[in-house]
């Protein structure tokens, strides 16, 4: 009886999104072709690497962090978080980074943040978590001012098997994968909070915001 009660309590905790139940996956493993192949997470905005801005905003919102990086791992490790590389070769896109990171995530939920998006809202995790009140929801993703931003998502760790299968069959599109599972789109007020800094012109414009 006691064992059954403990097991039930564990299930209850794992079905509720709270600070300790969420790991942030910070994606810093892309090829950054529009920045000449630089390691984008280490490109500076106002004297600090992109990744530091993102970590600063996401850290208060979740219990753990994993950084997905395929280069300069020692530089990312200095932030004190787990660093994992893609299991697929050749920069196969963000889903490959998410899948590799999910392999080491221990919490029931994971939330994704791109290293080149330094303006993530401070209520990002809270708003996405509200979608999981419905038990059948596997993932929640951002729609900002009517524009879908699929890379910004929260998902159950149990999605890993479905994601790995999608990658094995050659799938790479984030939005298409989300639509293949039970996803809820969550509306945010400002689409520029999710802007990616893809070029040096983007960085110059972003300096005025920070």
N, C-alpha and C. Protein backbone atom coordinates (compact mmCIF):
# COMPACT_ATOMS: atom_id res chain seq x y z
N UNK A 1 0.83 -1.20 0.00
CA UNK A 1 0.00 0.00 0.00
C UNK A 1 0.86 1.26 0.00
N UNK A 2 1.91 1.27 0.86
CA UNK A 2 2.79 2.43 0.92
C UNK A 2 3.50 2.63 -0.41
N UNK A 3 3.98 1.50 -1.01
CA UNK A 3 4.67 1.60 -2.30
C UNK A 3 3.74 2.13 -3.38
N UNK A 4 2.47 1.71 -3.36
CA UNK A 4 1.51 2.19 -4.34
C UNK A 4 1.29 3.68 -4.19
N UNK A 5 1.20 4.15 -2.93
CA UNK A 5 1.00 5.57 -2.67
C UNK A 5 2.17 6.39 -3.15
N UNK A 6 3.40 5.91 -2.89
CA UNK A 6 4.60 6.62 -3.35
C UNK A 6 4.64 6.69 -4.86
N UNK A 7 4.32 5.56 -5.50
CA UNK A 7 4.34 5.52 -6.96
C UNK A 7 3.33 6.49 -7.54
N UNK A 8 2.13 6.55 -6.93
CA UNK A 8 1.10 7.47 -7.41
C UNK A 8 1.53 8.91 -7.24
N UNK A 9 2.17 9.23 -6.12
CA UNK A 9 2.64 10.59 -5.88
C UNK A 9 3.71 10.99 -6.89
N UNK A 10 4.60 10.04 -7.22
CA UNK A 10 5.64 10.32 -8.22
C UNK A 10 5.02 10.61 -9.57
N UNK A 11 3.98 9.84 -9.93
CA UNK A 11 3.31 10.09 -11.20
C UNK A 11 2.64 11.46 -11.21
N UNK A 12 2.03 11.81 -10.07
CA UNK A 12 1.37 13.11 -9.98
C UNK A 12 2.37 14.24 -10.17
N UNK A 13 3.55 14.15 -9.54
CA UNK A 13 4.55 15.20 -9.65
C UNK A 13 5.07 15.31 -11.08
N UNK A 14 5.21 14.17 -11.75
CA UNK A 14 5.78 14.19 -13.10
C UNK A 14 4.79 14.72 -14.13
N UNK A 15 3.50 14.81 -13.77
CA UNK A 15 2.50 15.30 -14.72
C UNK A 15 2.26 16.80 -14.57
N UNK A 16 2.87 17.42 -13.55
CA UNK A 16 2.68 18.84 -13.30
C UNK A 16 3.95 19.60 -13.67
N UNK A 17 3.78 20.68 -14.44
CA UNK A 17 4.93 21.49 -14.81
C UNK A 17 5.24 22.47 -13.68
N UNK A 18 6.42 22.36 -13.11
CA UNK A 18 6.89 23.30 -12.11
C UNK A 18 8.38 23.51 -12.34
N UNK A 19 8.96 24.45 -11.63
CA UNK A 19 10.36 24.82 -11.81
C UNK A 19 11.28 23.60 -11.83
N UNK A 20 11.15 22.72 -10.85
CA UNK A 20 12.05 21.58 -10.72
C UNK A 20 11.82 20.50 -11.78
N UNK A 21 10.69 20.56 -12.47
CA UNK A 21 10.35 19.53 -13.45
C UNK A 21 10.75 19.90 -14.88
N UNK A 22 11.44 21.03 -15.05
CA UNK A 22 11.76 21.51 -16.39
C UNK A 22 13.27 21.67 -16.56
N UNK A 23 13.78 21.14 -17.67
CA UNK A 23 15.17 21.37 -18.09
C UNK A 23 15.15 22.22 -19.35
N UNK A 24 15.95 23.26 -19.38
CA UNK A 24 16.08 24.07 -20.59
C UNK A 24 17.16 23.47 -21.49
N UNK A 25 16.83 23.32 -22.75
CA UNK A 25 17.80 22.91 -23.77
C UNK A 25 18.16 24.15 -24.57
N UNK A 26 19.40 24.62 -24.42
CA UNK A 26 19.87 25.80 -25.15
C UNK A 26 20.61 25.33 -26.39
N UNK A 27 20.06 25.63 -27.55
CA UNK A 27 20.63 25.15 -28.81
C UNK A 27 21.74 26.08 -29.28
N UNK A 28 22.96 25.54 -29.34
CA UNK A 28 24.12 26.32 -29.79
C UNK A 28 24.96 25.47 -30.74
N UNK A 29 24.30 24.59 -31.47
CA UNK A 29 25.06 23.65 -32.29
C UNK A 29 24.96 23.86 -33.78
N UNK A 30 24.39 25.00 -34.22
CA UNK A 30 24.19 25.23 -35.64
C UNK A 30 25.45 25.63 -36.39
N UNK A 31 25.33 25.62 -37.72
CA UNK A 31 26.47 25.94 -38.58
C UNK A 31 26.67 27.44 -38.77
N UNK A 32 25.64 28.25 -38.54
CA UNK A 32 25.72 29.72 -38.65
C UNK A 32 26.29 30.16 -39.99
N UNK A 33 25.73 29.65 -41.07
CA UNK A 33 26.26 29.95 -42.40
C UNK A 33 26.15 31.43 -42.74
N UNK A 34 25.14 32.11 -42.21
CA UNK A 34 24.97 33.53 -42.52
C UNK A 34 25.89 34.43 -41.68
N UNK A 35 26.66 33.80 -40.79
CA UNK A 35 27.69 34.54 -40.06
C UNK A 35 29.07 33.97 -40.37
N UNK A 36 29.20 33.43 -41.55
CA UNK A 36 30.50 32.94 -42.00
C UNK A 36 30.96 31.68 -41.29
N UNK A 37 30.02 30.93 -40.73
CA UNK A 37 30.39 29.69 -40.07
C UNK A 37 30.91 29.84 -38.66
N UNK A 38 30.77 31.04 -38.07
CA UNK A 38 31.20 31.23 -36.69
C UNK A 38 30.34 30.40 -35.74
N UNK A 39 30.87 30.13 -34.57
CA UNK A 39 30.08 29.48 -33.53
C UNK A 39 29.17 30.55 -32.94
N UNK A 40 27.91 30.53 -33.34
CA UNK A 40 27.03 31.65 -33.06
C UNK A 40 26.82 31.91 -31.57
N UNK A 41 26.81 30.87 -30.78
CA UNK A 41 26.61 31.07 -29.36
C UNK A 41 27.69 31.91 -28.72
N UNK A 42 28.86 31.98 -29.36
CA UNK A 42 29.99 32.74 -28.81
C UNK A 42 30.18 34.10 -29.46
N UNK A 43 29.34 34.40 -30.47
CA UNK A 43 29.34 35.75 -31.05
C UNK A 43 28.84 36.73 -29.99
N UNK A 44 29.44 37.91 -29.92
CA UNK A 44 29.12 38.83 -28.83
C UNK A 44 28.05 39.86 -29.18
N UNK A 45 27.22 40.12 -28.20
CA UNK A 45 26.25 41.21 -28.24
C UNK A 45 26.52 42.08 -27.03
N UNK A 46 26.90 43.31 -27.26
CA UNK A 46 27.23 44.24 -26.17
C UNK A 46 28.27 43.66 -25.21
N UNK A 47 29.30 43.05 -25.80
CA UNK A 47 30.44 42.58 -24.99
C UNK A 47 30.28 41.23 -24.33
N UNK A 48 29.17 40.55 -24.58
CA UNK A 48 28.94 39.24 -23.97
C UNK A 48 28.45 38.27 -25.03
N UNK A 49 28.87 37.00 -24.97
CA UNK A 49 28.41 36.01 -25.96
C UNK A 49 26.89 35.86 -25.94
N UNK A 50 26.33 35.58 -27.11
CA UNK A 50 24.89 35.34 -27.20
C UNK A 50 24.40 34.40 -26.11
N UNK A 51 25.14 33.30 -25.93
CA UNK A 51 24.67 32.26 -25.02
C UNK A 51 24.52 32.79 -23.60
N UNK A 52 25.33 33.74 -23.21
CA UNK A 52 25.22 34.29 -21.85
C UNK A 52 23.92 35.05 -21.66
N UNK A 53 23.52 35.79 -22.68
CA UNK A 53 22.26 36.52 -22.61
C UNK A 53 21.08 35.54 -22.45
N UNK A 54 21.13 34.46 -23.23
CA UNK A 54 20.05 33.48 -23.17
C UNK A 54 20.03 32.77 -21.82
N UNK A 55 21.20 32.35 -21.35
CA UNK A 55 21.26 31.67 -20.05
C UNK A 55 20.75 32.57 -18.93
N UNK A 56 21.07 33.84 -19.01
CA UNK A 56 20.63 34.78 -17.98
C UNK A 56 19.11 34.86 -17.90
N UNK A 57 18.45 34.76 -19.05
CA UNK A 57 16.99 34.89 -19.07
C UNK A 57 16.29 33.56 -18.78
N UNK A 58 16.90 32.45 -19.19
CA UNK A 58 16.21 31.17 -19.03
C UNK A 58 16.49 30.52 -17.68
N UNK A 59 17.63 30.81 -17.08
CA UNK A 59 18.01 30.13 -15.83
C UNK A 59 16.99 30.31 -14.71
N UNK A 60 16.42 31.51 -14.49
CA UNK A 60 15.45 31.64 -13.41
C UNK A 60 14.13 30.91 -13.66
N UNK A 61 13.95 30.40 -14.87
CA UNK A 61 12.66 29.82 -15.24
C UNK A 61 12.60 28.30 -15.15
N UNK A 62 13.72 27.65 -14.88
CA UNK A 62 13.72 26.19 -14.90
C UNK A 62 14.77 25.64 -13.93
N UNK A 63 14.66 24.35 -13.63
CA UNK A 63 15.53 23.74 -12.63
C UNK A 63 16.89 23.34 -13.13
N UNK A 64 16.98 22.94 -14.40
CA UNK A 64 18.24 22.47 -14.95
C UNK A 64 18.42 23.00 -16.37
N UNK A 65 19.67 22.95 -16.85
CA UNK A 65 19.99 23.42 -18.20
C UNK A 65 20.95 22.44 -18.86
N UNK A 66 20.71 22.19 -20.14
CA UNK A 66 21.62 21.42 -20.99
C UNK A 66 21.93 22.28 -22.21
N UNK A 67 23.20 22.39 -22.56
CA UNK A 67 23.60 23.14 -23.76
C UNK A 67 23.92 22.17 -24.87
N UNK A 68 23.29 22.36 -26.01
CA UNK A 68 23.58 21.57 -27.21
C UNK A 68 24.62 22.31 -28.03
N UNK A 69 25.82 21.75 -28.14
CA UNK A 69 26.92 22.42 -28.86
C UNK A 69 27.77 21.38 -29.57
N UNK A 70 28.14 21.68 -30.80
CA UNK A 70 28.97 20.77 -31.59
C UNK A 70 30.41 21.25 -31.74
N UNK A 71 30.69 22.45 -31.26
CA UNK A 71 32.05 23.00 -31.31
C UNK A 71 32.35 23.70 -29.99
N UNK A 72 33.63 23.88 -29.74
CA UNK A 72 34.07 24.68 -28.58
C UNK A 72 33.40 24.24 -27.27
N UNK A 73 33.31 22.94 -27.09
CA UNK A 73 32.58 22.44 -25.93
C UNK A 73 33.18 22.93 -24.61
N UNK A 74 34.48 23.05 -24.56
CA UNK A 74 35.11 23.49 -23.30
C UNK A 74 34.69 24.90 -22.93
N UNK A 75 34.44 25.75 -23.94
CA UNK A 75 34.00 27.12 -23.64
C UNK A 75 32.57 27.14 -23.10
N UNK A 76 31.74 26.24 -23.58
CA UNK A 76 30.38 26.16 -23.07
C UNK A 76 30.34 25.49 -21.69
N UNK A 77 31.24 24.57 -21.47
CA UNK A 77 31.26 23.87 -20.17
C UNK A 77 31.59 24.80 -19.02
N UNK A 78 32.24 25.92 -19.30
CA UNK A 78 32.62 26.83 -18.22
C UNK A 78 31.40 27.44 -17.53
N UNK A 79 30.23 27.34 -18.17
CA UNK A 79 29.02 27.89 -17.54
C UNK A 79 28.45 26.94 -16.49
N UNK A 80 29.02 25.74 -16.40
CA UNK A 80 28.64 24.83 -15.34
C UNK A 80 27.47 23.93 -15.63
N UNK A 81 27.07 23.83 -16.90
CA UNK A 81 25.95 22.97 -17.28
C UNK A 81 26.42 21.83 -18.18
N UNK A 82 25.62 20.80 -18.28
CA UNK A 82 25.94 19.69 -19.18
C UNK A 82 25.98 20.19 -20.62
N UNK A 83 26.94 19.71 -21.40
CA UNK A 83 27.07 20.08 -22.81
C UNK A 83 27.06 18.80 -23.63
N UNK A 84 26.18 18.73 -24.62
CA UNK A 84 26.08 17.54 -25.46
C UNK A 84 26.15 17.93 -26.93
N UNK A 85 26.72 17.04 -27.73
CA UNK A 85 26.79 17.24 -29.17
C UNK A 85 25.77 16.39 -29.88
N UNK A 86 25.49 16.72 -31.14
CA UNK A 86 24.54 15.95 -31.94
C UNK A 86 25.03 14.51 -32.11
N UNK A 87 24.10 13.58 -32.14
CA UNK A 87 24.42 12.19 -32.43
C UNK A 87 24.48 11.95 -33.93
N UNK A 88 23.84 12.83 -34.70
CA UNK A 88 23.88 12.76 -36.16
C UNK A 88 24.98 13.68 -36.67
N UNK A 89 25.67 13.28 -37.71
CA UNK A 89 26.77 14.08 -38.24
C UNK A 89 26.27 15.11 -39.25
N UNK A 90 27.02 16.19 -39.37
CA UNK A 90 26.79 17.12 -40.47
C UNK A 90 25.74 18.18 -40.24
N UNK A 91 25.54 18.67 -39.02
CA UNK A 91 24.60 19.75 -38.75
C UNK A 91 23.22 19.46 -39.35
N UNK A 92 22.53 18.55 -38.75
CA UNK A 92 21.25 18.08 -39.26
C UNK A 92 20.06 18.92 -38.79
N UNK A 93 20.32 20.05 -38.16
CA UNK A 93 19.24 20.93 -37.78
C UNK A 93 18.91 20.86 -36.30
N UNK A 94 18.02 21.75 -35.85
CA UNK A 94 17.73 21.85 -34.42
C UNK A 94 17.12 20.60 -33.81
N UNK A 95 16.34 19.85 -34.56
CA UNK A 95 15.74 18.65 -33.99
C UNK A 95 16.80 17.63 -33.58
N UNK A 96 17.90 17.58 -34.32
CA UNK A 96 18.98 16.66 -33.96
C UNK A 96 19.59 17.07 -32.62
N UNK A 97 19.74 18.37 -32.42
CA UNK A 97 20.26 18.86 -31.14
C UNK A 97 19.31 18.59 -30.00
N UNK A 98 18.02 18.78 -30.25
CA UNK A 98 17.02 18.53 -29.22
C UNK A 98 17.01 17.05 -28.83
N UNK A 99 17.08 16.17 -29.83
CA UNK A 99 17.06 14.73 -29.55
C UNK A 99 18.27 14.31 -28.71
N UNK A 100 19.45 14.81 -29.07
CA UNK A 100 20.66 14.47 -28.32
C UNK A 100 20.56 14.97 -26.88
N UNK A 101 20.04 16.17 -26.71
CA UNK A 101 19.91 16.73 -25.36
C UNK A 101 18.88 15.97 -24.53
N UNK A 102 17.78 15.57 -25.17
CA UNK A 102 16.75 14.82 -24.43
C UNK A 102 17.28 13.51 -23.87
N UNK A 103 18.32 12.97 -24.49
CA UNK A 103 18.90 11.72 -24.00
C UNK A 103 19.51 11.87 -22.61
N UNK A 104 19.87 13.10 -22.23
CA UNK A 104 20.47 13.31 -20.91
C UNK A 104 19.55 14.07 -19.97
N UNK A 105 18.40 14.52 -20.47
CA UNK A 105 17.43 15.22 -19.61
C UNK A 105 16.81 14.23 -18.64
N UNK A 106 16.72 14.62 -17.39
CA UNK A 106 16.17 13.75 -16.36
C UNK A 106 14.81 14.23 -15.84
N UNK A 107 14.41 15.43 -16.20
CA UNK A 107 13.14 15.97 -15.75
C UNK A 107 12.01 15.55 -16.70
N UNK A 108 10.76 15.58 -16.25
CA UNK A 108 9.66 15.17 -17.13
C UNK A 108 9.43 16.09 -18.32
N UNK A 109 9.85 17.36 -18.21
CA UNK A 109 9.63 18.33 -19.27
C UNK A 109 10.93 18.99 -19.68
N UNK A 110 10.99 19.40 -20.94
CA UNK A 110 12.12 20.18 -21.45
C UNK A 110 11.57 21.36 -22.22
N UNK A 111 12.27 22.49 -22.15
CA UNK A 111 11.90 23.68 -22.91
C UNK A 111 13.11 24.08 -23.74
N UNK A 112 12.86 24.51 -24.97
CA UNK A 112 13.94 24.79 -25.91
C UNK A 112 14.14 26.29 -26.06
N UNK A 113 15.40 26.71 -26.05
CA UNK A 113 15.76 28.11 -26.28
C UNK A 113 16.93 28.14 -27.27
N UNK A 114 16.83 29.01 -28.27
CA UNK A 114 17.91 29.14 -29.25
C UNK A 114 18.95 30.13 -28.73
N UNK A 115 20.22 29.81 -28.94
CA UNK A 115 21.30 30.65 -28.39
C UNK A 115 21.36 32.02 -29.04
N UNK A 116 20.72 32.19 -30.20
CA UNK A 116 20.78 33.47 -30.91
C UNK A 116 19.50 34.29 -30.72
N UNK A 117 18.74 33.98 -29.67
CA UNK A 117 17.51 34.72 -29.37
C UNK A 117 17.61 35.28 -27.96
N UNK A 118 18.26 36.43 -27.79
CA UNK A 118 18.57 36.95 -26.45
C UNK A 118 17.43 37.67 -25.76
N UNK A 119 16.26 37.71 -26.38
CA UNK A 119 15.15 38.48 -25.78
C UNK A 119 14.00 37.58 -25.33
N UNK A 120 14.26 36.32 -25.07
CA UNK A 120 13.21 35.39 -24.64
C UNK A 120 12.47 35.98 -23.44
N UNK A 121 11.14 35.96 -23.47
CA UNK A 121 10.38 36.55 -22.36
C UNK A 121 10.66 35.86 -21.02
N UNK A 122 10.56 36.62 -19.96
CA UNK A 122 10.81 36.08 -18.63
C UNK A 122 9.65 35.22 -18.13
N UNK A 123 8.53 35.21 -18.86
CA UNK A 123 7.44 34.31 -18.53
C UNK A 123 7.27 33.22 -19.60
N UNK A 124 8.32 32.98 -20.35
CA UNK A 124 8.31 32.01 -21.45
C UNK A 124 7.88 30.62 -20.98
N UNK A 125 8.56 30.12 -19.97
CA UNK A 125 8.26 28.77 -19.48
C UNK A 125 6.88 28.72 -18.85
N UNK A 126 6.55 29.72 -18.07
CA UNK A 126 5.24 29.74 -17.39
C UNK A 126 4.09 29.68 -18.38
N UNK A 127 4.16 30.48 -19.44
CA UNK A 127 3.06 30.51 -20.40
C UNK A 127 2.94 29.20 -21.16
N UNK A 128 4.07 28.63 -21.57
CA UNK A 128 4.01 27.35 -22.28
C UNK A 128 3.49 26.25 -21.37
N UNK A 129 3.86 26.29 -20.10
CA UNK A 129 3.47 25.23 -19.18
C UNK A 129 1.96 25.13 -19.01
N UNK A 130 1.25 26.24 -19.21
CA UNK A 130 -0.20 26.24 -19.02
C UNK A 130 -0.91 25.32 -20.01
N UNK A 131 -0.26 25.04 -21.14
CA UNK A 131 -0.88 24.14 -22.13
C UNK A 131 -0.96 22.71 -21.64
N UNK A 132 -0.14 22.34 -20.65
CA UNK A 132 -0.07 20.95 -20.21
C UNK A 132 -1.10 20.61 -19.14
N UNK A 133 -2.01 21.55 -18.89
CA UNK A 133 -3.13 21.22 -18.02
C UNK A 133 -3.92 20.06 -18.63
N UNK A 134 -3.96 20.03 -19.96
CA UNK A 134 -4.59 18.91 -20.66
C UNK A 134 -3.60 17.75 -20.72
N UNK A 135 -3.98 16.60 -20.20
CA UNK A 135 -3.04 15.48 -20.06
C UNK A 135 -2.55 14.92 -21.39
N UNK A 136 -3.33 15.09 -22.47
CA UNK A 136 -2.94 14.49 -23.74
C UNK A 136 -1.96 15.35 -24.53
N UNK A 137 -1.64 16.53 -24.05
CA UNK A 137 -0.71 17.41 -24.76
C UNK A 137 0.72 16.91 -24.58
N UNK A 138 1.41 16.72 -25.68
CA UNK A 138 2.81 16.28 -25.64
C UNK A 138 3.78 17.43 -25.78
N UNK A 139 3.35 18.50 -26.46
CA UNK A 139 4.24 19.63 -26.69
C UNK A 139 3.43 20.91 -26.79
N UNK A 140 4.06 22.02 -26.43
CA UNK A 140 3.48 23.35 -26.60
C UNK A 140 4.53 24.20 -27.30
N UNK A 141 4.09 25.04 -28.24
CA UNK A 141 5.04 25.86 -28.99
C UNK A 141 4.49 27.28 -29.14
N UNK A 142 5.38 28.19 -29.48
CA UNK A 142 5.06 29.62 -29.50
C UNK A 142 4.41 30.04 -30.81
N UNK A 143 3.36 30.83 -30.67
CA UNK A 143 2.82 31.62 -31.77
C UNK A 143 2.80 33.06 -31.28
N UNK A 144 3.53 33.94 -31.93
CA UNK A 144 3.66 35.32 -31.46
C UNK A 144 3.04 36.27 -32.48
N UNK A 145 2.02 36.97 -32.06
CA UNK A 145 1.29 37.87 -32.94
C UNK A 145 0.87 37.15 -34.23
N UNK A 146 0.40 35.92 -34.06
CA UNK A 146 -0.10 35.14 -35.18
C UNK A 146 0.96 34.44 -36.00
N UNK A 147 2.23 34.60 -35.66
CA UNK A 147 3.32 33.95 -36.41
C UNK A 147 3.89 32.81 -35.58
N UNK A 148 3.84 31.62 -36.12
CA UNK A 148 4.33 30.46 -35.39
C UNK A 148 5.85 30.44 -35.35
N UNK A 149 6.37 30.11 -34.16
CA UNK A 149 7.82 30.03 -33.93
C UNK A 149 8.10 28.64 -33.35
N UNK A 150 8.10 27.61 -34.19
CA UNK A 150 8.09 26.23 -33.68
C UNK A 150 9.32 25.82 -32.88
N UNK A 151 10.48 26.46 -33.13
CA UNK A 151 11.68 26.06 -32.39
C UNK A 151 11.53 26.36 -30.90
N UNK A 152 10.68 27.32 -30.58
CA UNK A 152 10.45 27.67 -29.18
C UNK A 152 9.32 26.80 -28.64
N UNK A 153 9.70 25.75 -27.98
CA UNK A 153 8.73 24.74 -27.57
C UNK A 153 9.03 24.21 -26.18
N UNK A 154 8.00 23.64 -25.57
CA UNK A 154 8.15 22.82 -24.37
C UNK A 154 7.58 21.46 -24.71
N UNK A 155 8.23 20.40 -24.29
CA UNK A 155 7.76 19.07 -24.61
C UNK A 155 8.02 18.11 -23.47
N UNK A 156 7.25 17.05 -23.48
CA UNK A 156 7.47 15.99 -22.50
C UNK A 156 8.70 15.18 -22.91
N UNK A 157 9.48 14.77 -21.95
CA UNK A 157 10.66 13.96 -22.25
C UNK A 157 10.29 12.68 -22.98
N UNK A 158 9.08 12.19 -22.75
CA UNK A 158 8.63 10.95 -23.38
C UNK A 158 8.46 11.07 -24.89
N UNK A 159 8.60 12.31 -25.42
CA UNK A 159 8.54 12.51 -26.88
C UNK A 159 9.80 12.02 -27.59
N UNK A 160 10.83 11.69 -26.84
CA UNK A 160 12.12 11.35 -27.45
C UNK A 160 11.99 10.25 -28.48
N UNK A 161 11.28 9.17 -28.17
CA UNK A 161 11.15 8.07 -29.11
C UNK A 161 10.52 8.50 -30.42
N UNK A 162 9.47 9.31 -30.36
CA UNK A 162 8.82 9.80 -31.58
C UNK A 162 9.75 10.71 -32.37
N UNK A 163 10.53 11.53 -31.67
CA UNK A 163 11.46 12.41 -32.34
C UNK A 163 12.57 11.62 -33.03
N UNK A 164 13.11 10.63 -32.35
CA UNK A 164 14.17 9.81 -32.95
C UNK A 164 13.65 9.09 -34.19
N UNK A 165 12.41 8.60 -34.14
CA UNK A 165 11.83 7.93 -35.30
C UNK A 165 11.68 8.90 -36.47
N UNK A 166 11.25 10.11 -36.19
CA UNK A 166 11.09 11.13 -37.22
C UNK A 166 12.44 11.43 -37.88
N UNK A 167 13.49 11.54 -37.07
CA UNK A 167 14.82 11.80 -37.62
C UNK A 167 15.34 10.62 -38.43
N UNK A 168 15.06 9.41 -37.97
CA UNK A 168 15.51 8.22 -38.71
C UNK A 168 14.89 8.14 -40.10
N UNK A 169 13.67 8.65 -40.24
CA UNK A 169 13.01 8.60 -41.55
C UNK A 169 13.35 9.81 -42.42
N UNK A 170 14.30 10.63 -41.97
CA UNK A 170 14.76 11.76 -42.77
C UNK A 170 14.08 13.07 -42.48
N UNK A 171 13.16 13.09 -41.52
CA UNK A 171 12.47 14.33 -41.18
C UNK A 171 13.41 15.31 -40.49
N UNK A 172 13.28 16.58 -40.86
CA UNK A 172 14.12 17.61 -40.25
C UNK A 172 13.34 18.87 -39.89
N UNK A 173 12.11 19.01 -40.40
CA UNK A 173 11.34 20.24 -40.20
C UNK A 173 10.68 20.24 -38.83
N UNK A 174 10.98 21.29 -38.06
CA UNK A 174 10.49 21.36 -36.68
C UNK A 174 8.97 21.43 -36.64
N UNK A 175 8.40 22.33 -37.43
CA UNK A 175 6.95 22.49 -37.42
C UNK A 175 6.21 21.23 -37.84
N UNK A 176 6.74 20.55 -38.84
CA UNK A 176 6.09 19.32 -39.32
C UNK A 176 6.11 18.24 -38.24
N UNK A 177 7.23 18.15 -37.50
CA UNK A 177 7.27 17.15 -36.43
C UNK A 177 6.27 17.49 -35.33
N UNK A 178 6.22 18.75 -34.93
CA UNK A 178 5.28 19.15 -33.89
C UNK A 178 3.84 18.84 -34.30
N UNK A 179 3.52 19.09 -35.56
CA UNK A 179 2.16 18.82 -36.02
C UNK A 179 1.85 17.33 -36.08
N UNK A 180 2.90 16.50 -36.08
CA UNK A 180 2.68 15.05 -36.13
C UNK A 180 2.38 14.46 -34.75
N UNK A 181 2.58 15.28 -33.70
CA UNK A 181 2.27 14.82 -32.34
C UNK A 181 1.18 15.75 -31.78
N UNK A 182 0.88 15.60 -30.52
CA UNK A 182 -0.18 16.41 -29.90
C UNK A 182 0.41 17.72 -29.40
N UNK A 183 0.38 18.77 -30.23
CA UNK A 183 0.97 20.07 -29.89
C UNK A 183 -0.12 21.10 -29.67
N UNK A 184 0.14 22.04 -28.77
CA UNK A 184 -0.73 23.20 -28.57
C UNK A 184 0.09 24.46 -28.85
N UNK A 185 -0.47 25.37 -29.64
CA UNK A 185 0.21 26.63 -29.95
C UNK A 185 -0.22 27.67 -28.93
N UNK A 186 0.74 28.31 -28.30
CA UNK A 186 0.49 29.27 -27.22
C UNK A 186 0.81 30.67 -27.73
N UNK A 187 -0.14 31.58 -27.60
CA UNK A 187 0.02 32.92 -28.14
C UNK A 187 0.81 33.83 -27.18
N UNK A 188 1.84 34.47 -27.74
CA UNK A 188 2.62 35.49 -27.03
C UNK A 188 2.38 36.84 -27.70
N UNK A 189 2.61 37.91 -26.94
CA UNK A 189 2.25 39.26 -27.42
C UNK A 189 3.23 39.85 -28.41
N UNK A 190 4.53 39.51 -28.31
CA UNK A 190 5.55 40.20 -29.11
C UNK A 190 6.38 39.19 -29.89
N UNK A 191 6.29 39.25 -31.22
CA UNK A 191 7.08 38.30 -32.01
C UNK A 191 8.56 38.64 -31.98
N UNK A 192 8.91 39.93 -31.76
CA UNK A 192 10.33 40.27 -31.76
C UNK A 192 11.06 39.78 -30.51
N UNK A 193 10.32 39.29 -29.49
CA UNK A 193 10.98 38.65 -28.35
C UNK A 193 11.62 37.33 -28.75
N UNK A 194 11.22 36.80 -29.90
CA UNK A 194 11.74 35.52 -30.36
C UNK A 194 12.60 35.67 -31.61
N UNK A 195 13.04 36.89 -31.89
CA UNK A 195 13.89 37.12 -33.06
C UNK A 195 15.20 36.36 -32.94
N UNK A 196 15.62 35.78 -34.06
CA UNK A 196 16.95 35.17 -34.16
C UNK A 196 17.92 36.18 -34.74
N UNK A 197 19.11 36.28 -34.15
CA UNK A 197 20.14 37.15 -34.69
C UNK A 197 20.98 36.33 -35.67
N UNK A 198 20.57 36.36 -36.93
CA UNK A 198 21.19 35.49 -37.93
C UNK A 198 22.34 36.15 -38.68
N UNK A 199 22.38 37.48 -38.67
CA UNK A 199 23.41 38.21 -39.41
C UNK A 199 24.02 39.28 -38.51
N UNK A 200 25.13 39.84 -38.96
CA UNK A 200 25.76 40.91 -38.18
C UNK A 200 24.90 42.18 -38.19
N UNK A 201 24.11 42.37 -39.23
CA UNK A 201 23.16 43.49 -39.23
C UNK A 201 22.13 43.31 -38.13
N UNK A 202 21.68 42.05 -37.92
CA UNK A 202 20.74 41.77 -36.83
C UNK A 202 21.37 42.12 -35.49
N UNK A 203 22.64 41.81 -35.34
CA UNK A 203 23.35 42.10 -34.08
C UNK A 203 23.42 43.59 -33.84
N UNK A 204 23.72 44.35 -34.88
CA UNK A 204 23.81 45.81 -34.74
C UNK A 204 22.46 46.40 -34.31
N UNK A 205 21.39 45.89 -34.88
CA UNK A 205 20.06 46.39 -34.49
C UNK A 205 19.73 45.99 -33.06
N UNK A 206 20.16 44.80 -32.66
CA UNK A 206 19.85 44.30 -31.31
C UNK A 206 20.55 45.10 -30.23
N UNK A 207 21.66 45.72 -30.53
CA UNK A 207 22.38 46.51 -29.52
C UNK A 207 21.51 47.62 -28.95
N UNK A 208 20.58 48.10 -29.74
CA UNK A 208 19.71 49.18 -29.26
C UNK A 208 18.67 48.68 -28.26
N UNK A 209 18.40 47.38 -28.27
CA UNK A 209 17.39 46.83 -27.36
C UNK A 209 18.00 46.44 -26.02
N UNK A 210 19.26 46.03 -26.03
CA UNK A 210 19.87 45.52 -24.78
C UNK A 210 20.44 46.66 -23.96
